[in-house]
Protein backbone atom coordinates (compact mmCIF):
# COMPACT_ATOMS: atom_id res chain seq x y z
CA MET A 1 0.01 -0.20 0.09
CA LEU A 2 1.36 3.49 -0.61
CA ALA A 3 0.08 5.05 2.37
CA ALA A 4 2.58 7.79 2.40
CA VAL A 5 1.52 9.07 -1.00
CA TRP A 6 -2.02 8.70 0.41
CA LEU A 7 -1.20 10.49 3.53
CA GLY A 8 0.75 13.27 1.52
CA GLY A 9 -2.10 13.77 -0.85
CA LEU A 10 -4.61 14.15 2.15
CA ALA A 11 -2.70 16.38 3.93
CA ASN A 12 -1.78 18.82 0.73
CA VAL A 13 -6.10 18.84 -0.04
CA LYS A 14 -6.46 19.97 3.90
CA MET A 15 -3.77 22.48 3.93
CA LEU A 16 -4.83 23.99 0.69
CA ARG A 17 -8.46 24.22 1.97
CA GLU A 18 -7.35 25.61 4.93
CA LEU A 19 -5.20 28.21 3.64
CA SER A 20 -7.33 29.07 0.69
CA GLU A 21 -10.47 29.69 3.08
CA GLN A 22 -8.60 31.39 6.28
CA LEU A 23 -6.18 33.76 4.15
CA GLY A 24 -9.14 34.36 1.53
CA LEU A 25 -7.05 33.02 -1.49
CA PRO A 26 -9.46 31.30 -3.51
CA ASN A 27 -7.11 31.13 -6.50
CA LEU A 28 -4.70 29.51 -4.37
CA LYS A 29 -3.81 25.82 -6.07
CA THR A 30 -1.63 22.88 -5.10
CA VAL A 31 1.01 23.81 -7.71
CA HIS A 32 1.58 27.00 -5.47
CA LEU A 33 2.19 24.90 -2.35
CA GLY A 34 4.39 22.88 -4.15
CA LEU A 35 6.75 25.19 -5.30
CA PHE A 36 7.88 26.23 -1.58
CA ALA A 37 10.01 23.12 -1.43
CA TYR A 38 12.30 24.35 -4.23
CA ILE A 39 13.15 27.65 -2.25
CA ASP A 40 15.89 27.99 0.14
CA PRO A 41 15.46 29.90 3.20
CA ASP A 42 17.88 32.64 1.93
CA GLY A 43 16.27 32.68 -1.47
CA THR A 44 17.04 31.02 -4.80
CA THR A 45 17.14 32.22 -8.46
CA ILE A 46 13.88 31.47 -11.03
CA THR A 47 16.37 29.22 -12.79
CA GLU A 48 17.35 27.11 -10.08
CA ILE A 49 13.98 26.63 -8.83
CA ALA A 50 13.21 25.87 -12.38
CA ARG A 51 16.16 23.34 -12.73
CA ARG A 52 15.48 21.74 -9.16
CA LYS A 53 11.59 21.27 -10.22
CA GLY A 54 12.78 20.08 -13.64
CA VAL A 55 10.79 22.28 -15.93
CA THR A 56 11.69 25.29 -17.64
CA LYS A 57 12.24 28.94 -16.38
CA GLN A 58 9.20 30.33 -18.46
CA SER A 59 6.69 27.58 -16.68
CA ILE A 60 8.31 28.54 -13.12
CA SER A 61 8.04 32.42 -13.53
CA LYS A 62 4.15 32.42 -13.86
CA THR A 63 3.76 30.57 -10.61
CA VAL A 64 6.42 32.65 -8.68
CA GLN A 65 4.54 35.71 -10.08
CA GLU A 66 1.32 34.63 -8.70
CA LEU A 67 2.74 33.52 -5.42
CA MET A 68 4.41 37.19 -5.05
CA ASP A 69 1.15 38.67 -5.99
CA MET A 70 -0.50 36.74 -3.32
CA GLY A 71 2.00 37.91 -0.44
CA PHE A 72 3.84 34.41 -0.37
CA LEU A 73 7.03 35.12 -1.93
CA GLU A 74 9.17 38.26 -2.66
CA ALA A 75 12.07 39.02 -5.08
CA ARG A 76 15.22 40.89 -4.10
CA GLU A 77 18.59 41.93 -5.59
CA ASN A 78 21.01 38.91 -6.10
CA PRO A 79 24.36 39.77 -4.68
CA ARG A 80 26.22 37.43 -6.45
CA ASP A 81 24.65 38.03 -10.04
CA SER A 82 22.98 41.36 -11.10
CA ARG A 83 21.07 39.76 -13.91
CA SER A 84 19.01 37.50 -11.64
CA ARG A 85 16.78 38.15 -8.44
CA LEU A 86 16.60 36.07 -5.35
CA ILE A 87 13.27 34.56 -4.79
CA SER A 88 12.37 34.06 -0.95
CA PHE A 89 9.65 33.85 1.35
CA ASN A 90 7.77 37.19 2.55
CA LEU A 91 8.21 36.78 6.10
CA GLN A 92 6.95 40.28 6.90
CA GLU A 93 4.39 40.90 9.74
CA GLY A 94 0.91 40.09 8.27
CA SER A 95 1.95 38.76 4.86
CA ALA A 96 0.48 35.84 3.48
CA MET A 97 3.16 33.36 4.46
CA ARG A 98 3.49 34.42 8.08
CA ARG A 99 -0.56 33.95 8.25
CA GLY A 100 0.08 30.69 6.45
CA PHE A 101 2.41 29.50 9.07
CA ASP A 102 -0.51 30.14 11.71
CA VAL A 103 -2.59 28.34 9.74
CA LEU A 104 -0.44 25.50 9.54
CA GLY A 105 0.24 25.52 13.22
CA GLN A 106 -3.40 25.28 13.91
CA ILE A 107 -3.59 22.15 11.67
CA ASP A 108 -0.70 20.75 13.80
CA GLN A 109 -2.27 21.19 16.92
CA ALA A 110 -5.35 19.63 15.66
CA ILE A 111 -3.75 16.63 14.39
CA ALA A 112 -1.70 16.14 17.70
CA ALA A 113 -5.07 16.59 19.74
CA SER A 114 -6.38 13.87 17.68
CA ILE A 115 -4.00 11.16 18.11
CA GLY A 116 -2.43 12.61 21.39
CA ASP A 117 0.75 14.50 21.84
CA GLY A 118 2.72 10.89 22.11
CA ARG A 119 1.56 9.74 19.05
CA TYR A 120 2.22 12.85 17.19
CA GLU A 121 5.61 13.27 18.39
CA THR A 122 6.29 9.51 17.09
CA VAL A 123 4.97 10.38 13.73
CA LEU A 124 7.34 13.16 13.52
CA ALA A 125 10.31 11.50 14.71
CA GLY A 126 9.44 8.64 12.19
CA MET A 127 9.07 11.06 9.09
CA GLN A 128 12.38 12.80 10.26
CA GLN A 129 14.16 9.64 9.97
CA ILE A 130 12.60 8.74 6.40
CA MET A 131 13.83 12.39 5.41
CA GLN A 132 17.14 11.83 6.57
CA GLY A 133 17.49 8.24 4.68
CA LEU A 134 16.15 10.08 1.44
CA GLU A 135 18.83 12.89 2.10
CA ALA A 136 21.67 10.37 2.52
CA GLU A 137 21.04 8.51 -0.56
CA ASP A 138 20.50 11.77 -2.55
CA PRO A 139 21.67 14.86 -1.01
CA SER A 140 19.66 17.17 -3.35
CA TRP A 141 16.53 16.01 -1.08
CA SER A 142 18.02 17.84 1.78
CA LEU A 143 15.58 20.95 3.03
CA PHE A 144 18.46 22.86 4.08
CA ASP A 145 21.88 22.34 2.38
CA ARG A 146 20.97 22.34 -1.26
CA GLY A 147 24.89 24.25 -2.32
């Protein structure tokens, strides 16, 4: 059984519904949420986001612009290359990204309450072990050091 795929799909649907409803963003789509995994905390160029995702720069540009328009992302000068801009999370007070973190925190709390804090911590520990295993097999899966 592909429980991880099934659970991941359910989690995405729940997050999308809650974020869309609570942030008042009816145009928020799964493709928007999926892009976040390809952006480093300190910023990533559109070219690099496209490379990581395995698509063209042109196909990513529209989605990035939509996320910027919604207030999730922002662009700033790239100090290493003046021809490109770094795309990063908009963490300003009141931004969609900050408000989204609050919504995701509420979802986390509801899950912990429904299964119990101990089970929730066990699930998180198991997920962390899975991620560490994936990162050991292929460092490109790392959420942090993407060099």
